[in-house]
Amino acid sequence: MELTRTIFWDADYDSINWAEKARYVIERVIMFGTLDDWKAIQKFYGREKILAEMLESRELDPKSLSFLSCIFDTPPEKFRCYTQIQSSRAHWNY
């Protein structure tokens, strides 16, 4: 699978095991990838695998969560990152 290398800035791109690191790869593509990257992971992993991995992800930003919620017609509350955000208390900024 060929993806945009810069979205994996913190890893050695050539040594990424696409099967073992599916969640990491999918998270990066969702948050930082291009449309071509999105098409590539859909072809490689399939929509069911992508949804299953993202439902368990803790790393998604709000924009990515909204995108996935719309694409998969799944309420945001079903995603683990949504429930993690709700349970995190923000510090007062004073």
Protein backbone atom coordinates (compact mmCIF):
# COMPACT_ATOMS: atom_id res chain seq x y z
CA MET A 1 0.00 0.00 0.00
CA GLU A 2 1.35 3.43 -0.90
CA LEU A 3 0.30 6.37 1.29
CA THR A 4 1.54 9.91 1.82
CA ARG A 5 4.80 9.43 3.70
CA THR A 6 4.65 12.70 5.64
CA ILE A 7 1.63 11.62 7.70
CA PHE A 8 3.90 9.05 9.35
CA TRP A 9 6.50 11.58 10.49
CA ASP A 10 7.21 9.76 13.74
CA ALA A 11 7.78 6.30 12.25
CA ASP A 12 9.99 4.62 9.68
CA TYR A 13 7.55 4.40 6.77
CA ASP A 14 9.29 1.45 5.14
CA SER A 15 9.09 -0.68 8.28
CA ILE A 16 5.39 -0.14 9.09
CA ASN A 17 3.50 -3.42 9.24
CA TRP A 18 0.19 -2.43 7.63
CA ALA A 19 -1.71 -5.43 9.04
CA GLU A 20 -0.45 -5.21 12.64
CA LYS A 21 -0.64 -1.42 12.89
CA ALA A 22 -4.05 -1.00 11.24
CA ARG A 23 -5.47 1.35 13.88
CA TYR A 24 -2.40 3.60 13.82
CA VAL A 25 -2.40 3.74 10.01
CA ILE A 26 -6.14 4.40 9.75
CA GLU A 27 -6.01 7.13 12.43
CA ARG A 28 -3.21 8.92 10.62
CA VAL A 29 -4.96 8.76 7.27
CA ILE A 30 -8.26 9.97 8.74
CA MET A 31 -6.64 12.90 10.55
CA PHE A 32 -3.87 13.93 8.13
CA GLY A 33 -4.24 12.04 4.85
CA THR A 34 -5.48 12.95 1.41
CA LEU A 35 -8.49 11.67 -0.50
CA ASP A 36 -6.20 9.23 -2.33
CA ASP A 37 -4.96 7.92 1.06
CA TRP A 38 -8.58 7.43 2.16
CA LYS A 39 -9.35 5.45 -1.01
CA ALA A 40 -6.22 3.33 -0.51
CA ILE A 41 -7.10 2.31 3.05
CA GLN A 42 -10.68 1.50 2.04
CA LYS A 43 -9.34 -0.79 -0.65
CA PHE A 44 -6.73 -2.37 1.64
CA TYR A 45 -8.68 -2.74 4.92
CA GLY A 46 -12.32 -2.51 3.84
CA ARG A 47 -15.01 -0.30 5.36
CA GLU A 48 -15.96 -2.79 8.10
CA LYS A 49 -12.37 -2.99 9.42
CA ILE A 50 -11.98 0.79 9.30
CA LEU A 51 -15.19 1.31 11.27
CA ALA A 52 -14.31 -1.39 13.81
CA GLU A 53 -10.87 0.11 14.44
CA MET A 54 -12.14 3.68 14.66
CA LEU A 55 -14.93 2.79 17.08
CA GLU A 56 -12.16 1.71 19.49
CA SER A 57 -9.76 4.58 18.79
CA ARG A 58 -8.96 7.09 21.53
CA GLU A 59 -6.97 9.42 19.29
CA LEU A 60 -9.46 11.01 16.89
CA ASP A 61 -9.88 14.77 16.81
CA PRO A 62 -13.41 16.26 16.65
CA LYS A 63 -13.27 16.92 12.89
CA SER A 64 -12.23 13.33 12.13
CA LEU A 65 -14.92 12.02 14.46
CA SER A 66 -17.58 14.05 12.63
CA PHE A 67 -16.32 12.82 9.27
CA LEU A 68 -16.47 9.17 10.32
CA SER A 69 -19.85 9.63 11.96
CA CYS A 70 -21.26 10.97 8.67
CA ILE A 71 -19.50 8.49 6.38
CA PHE A 72 -20.55 5.44 8.39
CA ASP A 73 -23.91 6.83 9.56
CA THR A 74 -22.94 6.07 13.16
CA PRO A 75 -23.72 8.38 16.09
CA PRO A 76 -20.62 10.02 17.62
CA GLU A 77 -21.55 8.53 21.00
CA LYS A 78 -20.63 5.06 19.68
CA PHE A 79 -16.98 6.07 19.22
CA ARG A 80 -14.64 5.50 22.14
CA CYS A 81 -12.85 8.81 21.59
CA TYR A 82 -16.16 10.64 22.09
CA THR A 83 -16.75 9.03 25.48
CA GLN A 84 -13.12 9.69 26.45
CA ILE A 85 -13.55 13.39 25.64
CA GLN A 86 -16.75 13.57 27.70
CA SER A 87 -15.06 12.09 30.75
CA SER A 88 -11.99 14.36 30.59
CA ARG A 89 -12.30 17.46 32.68
CA ALA A 90 -10.73 20.60 31.31
CA HIS A 91 -8.58 22.74 33.57
CA TRP A 92 -9.65 26.26 34.24
CA ASN A 93 -7.72 28.73 32.17
CA TYR A 94 -7.12 31.59 34.57
